[in-house]
């Protein structure tokens, strides 16, 4: 079916464009319906609905557990009390600040 676009009027071309747009929309709706039916069938085979799958609300799925936080290894120890340590992260402990102000180098407190 060959259409001679060169000899068509503007009005005929606009009508053809509208008809093509309608046909494309109809085909798109049919494809969406077909895919939805396939999705419903697959979800049902797992005991779910499409809405469950898309929303991530699987009733049978176990809740995710967060990985446990690992404790950082201490890098510095208080020269006066070796039980007081600091990882070098976060706020500096008072004993560390006092030792540095007193002239101790951080390397001298390193573990």
PDB file of N, CA and C in Angstrom:
ATOM      1  N   UNK A   1       0.844  -1.168   0.000  1.00  0.00           N
ATOM      2  CA  UNK A   1       0.000   0.000   0.000  1.00  0.00           C
ATOM      3  C   UNK A   1       0.892   1.235   0.000  1.00  0.00           C
ATOM      4  N   UNK A   2       1.070   1.812  -1.140  1.00  0.00           N
ATOM      5  CA  UNK A   2       1.900   2.993  -1.276  1.00  0.00           C
ATOM      6  C   UNK A   2       1.015   4.234  -1.250  1.00  0.00           C
ATOM      7  N   UNK A   3       1.401   5.189  -0.451  1.00  0.00           N
ATOM      8  CA  UNK A   3       0.660   6.445  -0.348  1.00  0.00           C
ATOM      9  C   UNK A   3       1.527   7.520  -0.977  1.00  0.00           C
ATOM     10  N   UNK A   4       0.937   8.257  -1.892  1.00  0.00           N
ATOM     11  CA  UNK A   4       1.661   9.322  -2.585  1.00  0.00           C
ATOM     12  C   UNK A   4       1.511  10.608  -1.770  1.00  0.00           C
ATOM     13  N   UNK A   5       2.469  10.862  -0.901  1.00  0.00           N
ATOM     14  CA  UNK A   5       2.408  12.030  -0.022  1.00  0.00           C
ATOM     15  C   UNK A   5       2.614  13.337  -0.774  1.00  0.00           C
ATOM     16  N   UNK A   6       3.340  13.286  -1.872  1.00  0.00           N
ATOM     17  CA  UNK A   6       3.651  14.513  -2.612  1.00  0.00           C
ATOM     18  C   UNK A   6       2.412  15.149  -3.218  1.00  0.00           C
ATOM     19  N   UNK A   7       1.433  14.352  -3.576  1.00  0.00           N
ATOM     20  CA  UNK A   7       0.242  14.892  -4.236  1.00  0.00           C
ATOM     21  C   UNK A   7      -0.925  15.103  -3.272  1.00  0.00           C
ATOM     22  N   UNK A   8      -0.698  14.928  -1.959  1.00  0.00           N
ATOM     23  CA  UNK A   8      -1.776  15.120  -0.990  1.00  0.00           C
ATOM     24  C   UNK A   8      -1.819  16.571  -0.521  1.00  0.00           C
ATOM     25  N   UNK A   9      -3.016  17.031  -0.209  1.00  0.00           N
ATOM     26  CA  UNK A   9      -3.166  18.395   0.298  1.00  0.00           C
ATOM     27  C   UNK A   9      -2.780  18.427   1.776  1.00  0.00           C
ATOM     28  N   UNK A  10      -2.632  19.647   2.282  1.00  0.00           N
ATOM     29  CA  UNK A  10      -2.289  19.810   3.691  1.00  0.00           C
ATOM     30  C   UNK A  10      -3.374  19.190   4.575  1.00  0.00           C
ATOM     31  N   UNK A  11      -4.629  19.406   4.218  1.00  0.00           N
ATOM     32  CA  UNK A  11      -5.746  18.882   4.983  1.00  0.00           C
ATOM     33  C   UNK A  11      -5.716  17.350   5.002  1.00  0.00           C
ATOM     34  N   UNK A  12      -5.435  16.734   3.835  1.00  0.00           N
ATOM     35  CA  UNK A  12      -5.365  15.272   3.748  1.00  0.00           C
ATOM     36  C   UNK A  12      -4.192  14.730   4.573  1.00  0.00           C
ATOM     37  N   UNK A  13      -3.059  15.444   4.546  1.00  0.00           N
ATOM     38  CA  UNK A  13      -1.891  15.024   5.318  1.00  0.00           C
ATOM     39  C   UNK A  13      -2.166  15.108   6.824  1.00  0.00           C
ATOM     40  N   UNK A  14      -2.852  16.178   7.254  1.00  0.00           N
ATOM     41  CA  UNK A  14      -3.197  16.324   8.665  1.00  0.00           C
ATOM     42  C   UNK A  14      -4.151  15.217   9.109  1.00  0.00           C
ATOM     43  N   UNK A  15      -5.115  14.859   8.273  1.00  0.00           N
ATOM     44  CA  UNK A  15      -6.035  13.774   8.592  1.00  0.00           C
ATOM     45  C   UNK A  15      -5.273  12.458   8.681  1.00  0.00           C
ATOM     46  N   UNK A  16      -4.367  12.243   7.757  1.00  0.00           N
ATOM     47  CA  UNK A  16      -3.557  11.019   7.771  1.00  0.00           C
ATOM     48  C   UNK A  16      -2.709  10.952   9.041  1.00  0.00           C
ATOM     49  N   UNK A  17      -2.136  12.082   9.444  1.00  0.00           N
ATOM     50  CA  UNK A  17      -1.323  12.127  10.657  1.00  0.00           C
ATOM     51  C   UNK A  17      -2.173  11.781  11.886  1.00  0.00           C
ATOM     52  N   UNK A  18      -3.391  12.304  11.949  1.00  0.00           N
ATOM     53  CA  UNK A  18      -4.287  12.001  13.067  1.00  0.00           C
ATOM     54  C   UNK A  18      -4.656  10.519  13.083  1.00  0.00           C
ATOM     55  N   UNK A  19      -4.918   9.975  11.883  1.00  0.00           N
ATOM     56  CA  UNK A  19      -5.259   8.556  11.792  1.00  0.00           C
ATOM     57  C   UNK A  19      -4.089   7.675  12.232  1.00  0.00           C
ATOM     58  N   UNK A  20      -2.881   8.052  11.848  1.00  0.00           N
ATOM     59  CA  UNK A  20      -1.692   7.305  12.242  1.00  0.00           C
ATOM     60  C   UNK A  20      -1.515   7.392  13.757  1.00  0.00           C
ATOM     61  N   UNK A  21      -1.712   8.574  14.334  1.00  0.00           N
ATOM     62  CA  UNK A  21      -1.585   8.750  15.781  1.00  0.00           C
ATOM     63  C   UNK A  21      -2.597   7.883  16.528  1.00  0.00           C
ATOM     64  N   UNK A  22      -3.821   7.845  16.045  1.00  0.00           N
ATOM     65  CA  UNK A  22      -4.855   7.006  16.665  1.00  0.00           C
ATOM     66  C   UNK A  22      -4.469   5.532  16.589  1.00  0.00           C
ATOM     67  N   UNK A  23      -3.966   5.107  15.439  1.00  0.00           N
ATOM     68  CA  UNK A  23      -3.574   3.708  15.260  1.00  0.00           C
ATOM     69  C   UNK A  23      -2.423   3.346  16.183  1.00  0.00           C
ATOM     70  N   UNK A  24      -1.458   4.243  16.313  1.00  0.00           N
ATOM     71  CA  UNK A  24      -0.322   3.996  17.200  1.00  0.00           C
ATOM     72  C   UNK A  24      -0.773   3.912  18.663  1.00  0.00           C
ATOM     73  N   UNK A  25      -1.682   4.776  19.068  1.00  0.00           N
ATOM     74  CA  UNK A  25      -2.206   4.744  20.441  1.00  0.00           C
ATOM     75  C   UNK A  25      -2.954   3.441  20.712  1.00  0.00           C
ATOM     76  N   UNK A  26      -3.736   2.981  19.728  1.00  0.00           N
ATOM     77  CA  UNK A  26      -4.477   1.734  19.885  1.00  0.00           C
ATOM     78  C   UNK A  26      -3.515   0.557  20.038  1.00  0.00           C
ATOM     79  N   UNK A  27      -2.480   0.511  19.231  1.00  0.00           N
ATOM     80  CA  UNK A  27      -1.497  -0.566  19.313  1.00  0.00           C
ATOM     81  C   UNK A  27      -0.748  -0.505  20.644  1.00  0.00           C
ATOM     82  N   UNK A  28      -0.401   0.692  21.093  1.00  0.00           N
ATOM     83  CA  UNK A  28       0.287   0.858  22.373  1.00  0.00           C
ATOM     84  C   UNK A  28      -0.572   0.313  23.511  1.00  0.00           C
ATOM     85  N   UNK A  29      -1.867   0.623  23.508  1.00  0.00           N
ATOM     86  CA  UNK A  29      -2.770   0.139  24.552  1.00  0.00           C
ATOM     87  C   UNK A  29      -2.860  -1.383  24.524  1.00  0.00           C
ATOM     88  N   UNK A  30      -2.896  -1.962  23.326  1.00  0.00           N
ATOM     89  CA  UNK A  30      -2.953  -3.421  23.215  1.00  0.00           C
ATOM     90  C   UNK A  30      -1.680  -4.060  23.773  1.00  0.00           C
ATOM     91  N   UNK A  31      -0.527  -3.470  23.477  1.00  0.00           N
ATOM     92  CA  UNK A  31       0.744  -4.009  23.970  1.00  0.00           C
ATOM     93  C   UNK A  31       0.823  -3.912  25.492  1.00  0.00           C
ATOM     94  N   UNK A  32       0.380  -2.789  26.046  1.00  0.00           N
ATOM     95  CA  UNK A  32       0.400  -2.612  27.501  1.00  0.00           C
ATOM     96  C   UNK A  32      -0.514  -3.642  28.156  1.00  0.00           C
ATOM     97  N   UNK A  33      -1.676  -3.859  27.574  1.00  0.00           N
ATOM     98  CA  UNK A  33      -2.620  -4.837  28.121  1.00  0.00           C
ATOM     99  C   UNK A  33      -2.006  -6.238  28.098  1.00  0.00           C
ATOM    100  N   UNK A  34      -1.351  -6.580  27.005  1.00  0.00           N
ATOM    101  CA  UNK A  34      -0.740  -7.897  26.874  1.00  0.00           C
ATOM    102  C   UNK A  34       0.381  -8.088  27.902  1.00  0.00           C
ATOM    103  N   UNK A  35       1.226  -7.078  28.067  1.00  0.00           N
ATOM    104  CA  UNK A  35       2.329  -7.164  29.031  1.00  0.00           C
ATOM    105  C   UNK A  35       1.788  -7.249  30.447  1.00  0.00           C
ATOM    106  N   UNK A  36       0.748  -6.483  30.750  1.00  0.00           N
ATOM    107  CA  UNK A  36       0.139  -6.526  32.089  1.00  0.00           C
ATOM    108  C   UNK A  36      -0.406  -7.923  32.393  1.00  0.00           C
ATOM    109  N   UNK A  37      -1.045  -8.542  31.403  1.00  0.00           N
ATOM    110  CA  UNK A  37      -1.565  -9.893  31.603  1.00  0.00           C
ATOM    111  C   UNK A  37      -0.422 -10.875  31.872  1.00  0.00           C
ATOM    112  N   UNK A  38       0.671 -10.728  31.142  1.00  0.00           N
ATOM    113  CA  UNK A  38       1.827 -11.601  31.361  1.00  0.00           C
ATOM    114  C   UNK A  38       2.424 -11.377  32.756  1.00  0.00           C
ATOM    115  N   UNK A  39       2.482 -10.107  33.176  1.00  0.00           N
ATOM    116  CA  UNK A  39       3.007  -9.793  34.504  1.00  0.00           C
ATOM    117  C   UNK A  39       2.104 -10.368  35.594  1.00  0.00           C
ATOM    118  N   UNK A  40       0.791 -10.248  35.425  1.00  0.00           N
ATOM    119  CA  UNK A  40      -0.151 -10.788  36.404  1.00  0.00           C
ATOM    120  C   UNK A  40      -0.003 -12.301  36.523  1.00  0.00           C
ATOM    121  N   UNK A  41       0.175 -12.962  35.393  1.00  0.00           N
ATOM    122  CA  UNK A  41       0.333 -14.416  35.388  1.00  0.00           C
ATOM    123  C   UNK A  41       1.613 -14.813  36.122  1.00  0.00           C
ATOM    124  N   UNK A  42       2.699 -14.117  35.856  1.00  0.00           N
ATOM    125  CA  UNK A  42       3.976 -14.420  36.506  1.00  0.00           C
ATOM    126  C   UNK A  42       3.906 -14.131  38.006  1.00  0.00           C
ATOM    127  N   UNK A  43       3.349 -12.995  38.373  1.00  0.00           N
ATOM    128  CA  UNK A  43       3.241 -12.639  39.789  1.00  0.00           C
ATOM    129  C   UNK A  43       2.360 -13.649  40.523  1.00  0.00           C
ATOM    130  N   UNK A  44       1.253 -14.043  39.917  1.00  0.00           N
ATOM    131  CA  UNK A  44       0.338 -15.007  40.537  1.00  0.00           C
ATOM    132  C   UNK A  44       1.022 -16.348  40.752  1.00  0.00           C
ATOM    133  N   UNK A  45       1.930 -16.719  39.861  1.00  0.00           N
ATOM    134  CA  UNK A  45       2.627 -17.994  40.020  1.00  0.00           C
ATOM    135  C   UNK A  45       3.542 -17.979  41.246  1.00  0.00           C
ATOM    136  N   UNK A  46       3.826 -16.781  41.759  1.00  0.00           N
ATOM    137  CA  UNK A  46       4.635 -16.629  42.974  1.00  0.00           C
ATOM    138  C   UNK A  46       3.782 -16.197  44.168  1.00  0.00           C
ATOM    139  N   UNK A  47       2.464 -16.182  43.991  1.00  0.00           N
ATOM    140  CA  UNK A  47       1.567 -15.823  45.076  1.00  0.00           C
ATOM    141  C   UNK A  47       1.525 -14.330  45.345  1.00  0.00           C
ATOM    142  N   UNK A  48       1.787 -13.520  44.332  1.00  0.00           N
ATOM    143  CA  UNK A  48       1.817 -12.065  44.496  1.00  0.00           C
ATOM    144  C   UNK A  48       0.902 -11.410  43.477  1.00  0.00           C
ATOM    145  N   UNK A  49       0.711 -10.112  43.650  1.00  0.00           N
ATOM    146  CA  UNK A  49       0.022  -9.317  42.641  1.00  0.00           C
ATOM    147  C   UNK A  49       1.054  -8.410  41.981  1.00  0.00           C
ATOM    148  N   UNK A  50       0.683  -7.849  40.849  1.00  0.00           N
ATOM    149  CA  UNK A  50       1.586  -6.917  40.157  1.00  0.00           C
ATOM    150  C   UNK A  50       1.861  -5.715  41.055  1.00  0.00           C
ATOM    151  N   UNK A  51       0.846  -5.264  41.774  1.00  0.00           N
ATOM    152  CA  UNK A  51       1.009  -4.122  42.670  1.00  0.00           C
ATOM    153  C   UNK A  51       2.019  -4.432  43.773  1.00  0.00           C
ATOM    154  N   UNK A  52       1.976  -5.674  44.307  1.00  0.00           N
ATOM    155  CA  UNK A  52       2.954  -6.073  45.320  1.00  0.00           C
ATOM    156  C   UNK A  52       4.369  -5.980  44.764  1.00  0.00           C
ATOM    157  N   UNK A  53       4.537  -6.478  43.559  1.00  0.00           N
ATOM    158  CA  UNK A  53       5.864  -6.494  42.951  1.00  0.00           C
ATOM    159  C   UNK A  53       6.355  -5.075  42.682  1.00  0.00           C
ATOM    160  N   UNK A  54       5.511  -4.249  42.113  1.00  0.00           N
ATOM    161  CA  UNK A  54       5.920  -2.889  41.759  1.00  0.00           C
ATOM    162  C   UNK A  54       6.147  -2.014  42.989  1.00  0.00           C
ATOM    163  N   UNK A  55       5.380  -2.264  44.049  1.00  0.00           N
ATOM    164  CA  UNK A  55       5.527  -1.463  45.260  1.00  0.00           C
ATOM    165  C   UNK A  55       6.600  -2.022  46.176  1.00  0.00           C
ATOM    166  N   UNK A  56       7.072  -3.236  45.889  1.00  0.00           N
ATOM    167  CA  UNK A  56       8.082  -3.848  46.740  1.00  0.00           C
ATOM    168  C   UNK A  56       7.491  -4.327  48.054  1.00  0.00           C
ATOM    169  N   UNK A  57       6.198  -4.600  48.071  1.00  0.00           N
ATOM    170  CA  UNK A  57       5.518  -5.014  49.294  1.00  0.00           C
ATOM    171  C   UNK A  57       5.292  -6.522  49.322  1.00  0.00           C
ATOM    172  N   UNK A  58       6.289  -7.281  48.966  1.00  0.00           N
ATOM    173  CA  UNK A  58       6.131  -8.729  48.966  1.00  0.00           C
ATOM    174  C   UNK A  58       5.840  -9.199  50.384  1.00  0.00           C
ATOM    175  N   UNK A  59       4.718  -9.881  50.548  1.00  0.00           N
ATOM    176  CA  UNK A  59       4.294 -10.324  51.875  1.00  0.00           C
ATOM    177  C   UNK A  59       5.204 -11.403  52.428  1.00  0.00           C
ATOM    178  N   UNK A  60       5.777 -12.178  51.536  1.00  0.00           N
ATOM    179  CA  UNK A  60       6.579 -13.314  51.981  1.00  0.00           C
ATOM    180  C   UNK A  60       8.051 -12.987  52.102  1.00  0.00           C
ATOM    181  N   UNK A  61       8.443 -11.830  51.621  1.00  0.00           N
ATOM    182  CA  UNK A  61       9.870 -11.488  51.662  1.00  0.00           C
ATOM    183  C   UNK A  61      10.290 -11.130  53.082  1.00  0.00           C
ATOM    184  N   UNK A  62      11.440 -11.627  53.464  1.00  0.00           N
ATOM    185  CA  UNK A  62      11.976 -11.312  54.798  1.00  0.00           C
ATOM    186  C   UNK A  62      12.515  -9.889  54.794  1.00  0.00           C
ATOM    187  N   UNK A  63      12.357  -9.162  55.893  1.00  0.00           N
ATOM    188  CA  UNK A  63      12.890  -7.795  55.932  1.00  0.00           C
ATOM    189  C   UNK A  63      14.413  -7.822  55.867  1.00  0.00           C
ATOM    190  N   UNK A  64      14.954  -6.822  55.225  1.00  0.00           N
ATOM    191  CA  UNK A  64      16.404  -6.734  55.104  1.00  0.00           C
ATOM    192  C   UNK A  64      17.019  -6.386  56.447  1.00  0.00           C
ATOM    193  N   UNK A  65      18.130  -7.021  56.712  1.00  0.00           N
ATOM    194  CA  UNK A  65      18.851  -6.722  57.940  1.00  0.00           C
ATOM    195  C   UNK A  65      20.063  -5.889  57.571  1.00  0.00           C
ATOM    196  N   UNK A  66      20.320  -4.889  58.389  1.00  0.00           N
ATOM    197  CA  UNK A  66      21.499  -4.056  58.155  1.00  0.00           C
ATOM    198  C   UNK A  66      22.728  -4.811  58.618  1.00  0.00           C
ATOM    199  N   UNK A  67      23.802  -4.590  57.908  1.00  0.00           N
ATOM    200  CA  UNK A  67      25.060  -5.214  58.297  1.00  0.00           C
ATOM    201  C   UNK A  67      25.516  -4.606  59.618  1.00  0.00           C
ATOM    202  N   UNK A  68      26.060  -5.431  60.496  1.00  0.00           N
ATOM    203  CA  UNK A  68      26.511  -4.873  61.780  1.00  0.00           C
ATOM    204  C   UNK A  68      27.678  -3.913  61.559  1.00  0.00           C
ATOM    205  N   UNK A  69      27.676  -2.865  62.364  1.00  0.00           N
ATOM    206  CA  UNK A  69      28.762  -1.892  62.266  1.00  0.00           C
ATOM    207  C   UNK A  69      30.014  -2.486  62.892  1.00  0.00           C
ATOM    208  N   UNK A  70      31.106  -2.291  62.194  1.00  0.00           N
ATOM    209  CA  UNK A  70      32.366  -2.792  62.732  1.00  0.00           C
ATOM    210  C   UNK A  70      32.985  -1.724  63.614  1.00  0.00           C
ATOM    211  N   UNK A  71      33.570  -2.144  64.676  1.00  0.00           N
ATOM    212  CA  UNK A  71      34.184  -1.215  65.608  1.00  0.00           C
ATOM    213  C   UNK A  71      35.584  -0.884  65.094  1.00  0.00           C
ATOM    214  N   UNK A  72      35.908   0.395  65.094  1.00  0.00           N
ATOM    215  CA  UNK A  72      37.218   0.820  64.627  1.00  0.00           C
ATOM    216  C   UNK A  72      38.307   0.427  65.615  1.00  0.00           C
ATOM    217  N   UNK A  73      39.474   0.204  65.075  1.00  0.00           N
ATOM    218  CA  UNK A  73      40.622  -0.177  65.894  1.00  0.00           C
ATOM    219  C   UNK A  73      41.238   1.086  66.502  1.00  0.00           C
ATOM    220  N   UNK A  74      41.532   1.088  67.788  1.00  0.00           N
ATOM    221  CA  UNK A  74      42.151   2.264  68.408  1.00  0.00           C
ATOM    222  C   UNK A  74      43.537   2.533  67.825  1.00  0.00           C
ATOM    223  N   UNK A  75      43.862   3.816  67.658  1.00  0.00           N
ATOM    224  CA  UNK A  75      45.170   4.212  67.127  1.00  0.00           C
ATOM    225  C   UNK A  75      46.022   4.920  68.170  1.00  0.00           C
ATOM    226  N   UNK A  76      45.352   5.512  69.168  1.00  0.00           N
ATOM    227  CA  UNK A  76      46.081   6.276  70.180  1.00  0.00           C
ATOM    228  C   UNK A  76      45.654   5.813  71.577  1.00  0.00           C
ATOM    229  N   UNK A  77      46.600   5.867  72.500  1.00  0.00           N
ATOM    230  CA  UNK A  77      46.306   5.518  73.895  1.00  0.00           C
ATOM    231  C   UNK A  77      46.816   6.635  74.794  1.00  0.00           C
ATOM    232  N   UNK A  78      46.104   6.865  75.895  1.00  0.00           N
ATOM    233  CA  UNK A  78      46.484   7.865  76.879  1.00  0.00           C
ATOM    234  C   UNK A  78      47.770   7.377  77.575  1.00  0.00           C
ATOM    235  N   UNK A  79      48.844   8.182  77.552  1.00  0.00           N
ATOM    236  CA  UNK A  79      50.089   7.758  78.201  1.00  0.00           C
ATOM    237  C   UNK A  79      49.925   7.539  79.710  1.00  0.00           C
ATOM    238  N   UNK A  80      49.026   8.262  80.335  1.00  0.00           N
ATOM    239  CA  UNK A  80      48.822   8.129  81.777  1.00  0.00           C
ATOM    240  C   UNK A  80      47.926   6.936  82.126  1.00  0.00           C
ATOM    241  N   UNK A  81      47.015   6.569  81.205  1.00  0.00           N
ATOM    242  CA  UNK A  81      46.088   5.464  81.462  1.00  0.00           C
ATOM    243  C   UNK A  81      45.855   4.734  80.135  1.00  0.00           C
ATOM    244  N   UNK A  82      46.558   3.624  79.939  1.00  0.00           N
ATOM    245  CA  UNK A  82      46.521   2.904  78.656  1.00  0.00           C
ATOM    246  C   UNK A  82      45.134   2.336  78.331  1.00  0.00           C
ATOM    247  N   UNK A  83      44.210   2.303  79.291  1.00  0.00           N
ATOM    248  CA  UNK A  83      42.870   1.788  79.018  1.00  0.00           C
ATOM    249  C   UNK A  83      42.036   2.811  78.238  1.00  0.00           C
ATOM    250  N   UNK A  84      42.467   4.081  78.236  1.00  0.00           N
ATOM    251  CA  UNK A  84      41.767   5.112  77.473  1.00  0.00           C
ATOM    252  C   UNK A  84      42.392   5.176  76.081  1.00  0.00           C
ATOM    253  N   UNK A  85      41.565   4.877  75.079  1.00  0.00           N
ATOM    254  CA  UNK A  85      42.060   4.861  73.696  1.00  0.00           C
ATOM    255  C   UNK A  85      41.173   5.725  72.816  1.00  0.00           C
ATOM    256  N   UNK A  86      41.696   5.994  71.623  1.00  0.00           N
ATOM    257  CA  UNK A  86      40.961   6.784  70.639  1.00  0.00           C
ATOM    258  C   UNK A  86      41.313   6.248  69.264  1.00  0.00           C
ATOM    259  N   UNK A  87      40.322   6.160  68.372  1.00  0.00           N
ATOM    260  CA  UNK A  87      40.528   5.607  67.029  1.00  0.00           C
ATOM    261  C   UNK A  87      41.112   6.621  66.056  1.00  0.00           C
ATOM    262  N   UNK A  88      41.105   7.888  66.441  1.00  0.00           N
ATOM    263  CA  UNK A  88      41.565   8.928  65.523  1.00  0.00           C
ATOM    264  C   UNK A  88      40.423   9.491  64.704  1.00  0.00           C
ATOM    265  N   UNK A  89      39.222   8.997  64.951  1.00  0.00           N
ATOM    266  CA  UNK A  89      38.028   9.473  64.236  1.00  0.00           C
ATOM    267  C   UNK A  89      37.130  10.195  65.226  1.00  0.00           C
ATOM    268  N   UNK A  90      36.406  11.164  64.727  1.00  0.00           N
ATOM    269  CA  UNK A  90      35.461  11.878  65.590  1.00  0.00           C
ATOM    270  C   UNK A  90      36.152  12.923  66.454  1.00  0.00           C
ATOM    271  N   UNK A  91      35.438  13.321  67.496  1.00  0.00           N
ATOM    272  CA  UNK A  91      35.940  14.356  68.397  1.00  0.00           C
ATOM    273  C   UNK A  91      37.138  13.863  69.186  1.00  0.00           C
ATOM    274  N   UNK A  92      38.124  14.726  69.351  1.00  0.00           N
ATOM    275  CA  UNK A  92      39.327  14.368  70.116  1.00  0.00           C
ATOM    276  C   UNK A  92      38.989  14.302  71.591  1.00  0.00           C
ATOM    277  N   UNK A  93      39.426  13.234  72.273  1.00  0.00           N
ATOM    278  CA  UNK A  93      39.166  13.154  73.712  1.00  0.00           C
ATOM    279  C   UNK A  93      39.992  14.192  74.476  1.00  0.00           C
ATOM    280  N   UNK A  94      39.514  14.535  75.644  1.00  0.00           N
ATOM    281  CA  UNK A  94      40.181  15.552  76.460  1.00  0.00           C
ATOM    282  C   UNK A  94      41.628  15.160  76.786  1.00  0.00           C
ATOM    283  N   UNK A  95      41.872  13.885  77.109  1.00  0.00           N
ATOM    284  CA  UNK A  95      43.224  13.468  77.453  1.00  0.00           C
ATOM    285  C   UNK A  95      44.174  13.654  76.270  1.00  0.00           C
ATOM    286  N   UNK A  96      43.671  13.468  75.043  1.00  0.00           N
ATOM    287  CA  UNK A  96      44.485  13.638  73.844  1.00  0.00           C
ATOM    288  C   UNK A  96      44.831  15.117  73.647  1.00  0.00           C
ATOM    289  N   UNK A  97      43.790  15.972  73.759  1.00  0.00           N
ATOM    290  CA  UNK A  97      44.021  17.407  73.598  1.00  0.00           C
ATOM    291  C   UNK A  97      44.982  17.930  74.667  1.00  0.00           C
ATOM    292  N   UNK A  98      44.820  17.467  75.898  1.00  0.00           N
ATOM    293  CA  UNK A  98      45.685  17.921  76.990  1.00  0.00           C
ATOM    294  C   UNK A  98      47.133  17.483  76.755  1.00  0.00           C
ATOM    295  N   UNK A  99      47.329  16.275  76.280  1.00  0.00           N
ATOM    296  CA  UNK A  99      48.678  15.762  76.032  1.00  0.00           C
ATOM    297  C   UNK A  99      49.350  16.531  74.908  1.00  0.00           C
ATOM    298  N   UNK A 100      48.616  16.856  73.848  1.00  0.00           N
ATOM    299  CA  UNK A 100      49.183  17.622  72.725  1.00  0.00           C
ATOM    300  C   UNK A 100      49.533  19.028  73.187  1.00  0.00           C
ATOM    301  N   UNK A 101      48.660  19.646  74.000  1.00  0.00           N
ATOM    302  CA  UNK A 101      48.936  20.989  74.520  1.00  0.00           C
ATOM    303  C   UNK A 101      50.154  20.976  75.444  1.00  0.00           C
ATOM    304  N   UNK A 102      50.359  19.852  76.129  1.00  0.00           N
ATOM    305  CA  UNK A 102      51.502  19.735  77.040  1.00  0.00           C
ATOM    306  C   UNK A 102      52.798  19.437  76.288  1.00  0.00           C
ATOM    307  N   UNK A 103      52.729  19.260  74.975  1.00  0.00           N
ATOM    308  CA  UNK A 103      53.942  19.058  74.192  1.00  0.00           C
ATOM    309  C   UNK A 103      54.132  17.646  73.664  1.00  0.00           C
ATOM    310  N   UNK A 104      53.239  16.709  73.965  1.00  0.00           N
ATOM    311  CA  UNK A 104      53.377  15.341  73.451  1.00  0.00           C
ATOM    312  C   UNK A 104      52.993  15.318  71.980  1.00  0.00           C
ATOM    313  N   UNK A 105      53.705  14.522  71.217  1.00  0.00           N
ATOM    314  CA  UNK A 105      53.372  14.407  69.802  1.00  0.00           C
ATOM    315  C   UNK A 105      52.357  13.273  69.635  1.00  0.00           C
ATOM    316  N   UNK A 106      51.517  13.376  68.624  1.00  0.00           N
ATOM    317  CA  UNK A 106      50.556  12.297  68.377  1.00  0.00           C
ATOM    318  C   UNK A 106      51.256  10.949  68.146  1.00  0.00           C
ATOM    319  N   UNK A 107      52.440  10.983  67.532  1.00  0.00           N
ATOM    320  CA  UNK A 107      53.171   9.745  67.285  1.00  0.00           C
ATOM    321  C   UNK A 107      53.583   9.060  68.589  1.00  0.00           C
ATOM    322  N   UNK A 108      53.833   9.852  69.617  1.00  0.00           N
ATOM    323  CA  UNK A 108      54.242   9.246  70.899  1.00  0.00           C
ATOM    324  C   UNK A 108      53.086   8.544  71.585  1.00  0.00           C
ATOM    325  N   UNK A 109      51.843   8.883  71.207  1.00  0.00           N
ATOM    326  CA  UNK A 109      50.669   8.241  71.797  1.00  0.00           C
ATOM    327  C   UNK A 109      50.110   7.136  70.915  1.00  0.00           C
ATOM    328  N   UNK A 110      50.710   6.941  69.747  1.00  0.00           N
ATOM    329  CA  UNK A 110      50.232   5.916  68.827  1.00  0.00           C
ATOM    330  C   UNK A 110      50.430   4.530  69.409  1.00  0.00           C
ATOM    331  N   UNK A 111      49.473   3.680  69.149  1.00  0.00           N
ATOM    332  CA  UNK A 111      49.545   2.302  69.652  1.00  0.00           C
ATOM    333  C   UNK A 111      50.353   1.455  68.683  1.00  0.00           C
TER     334      UNK A 111
END
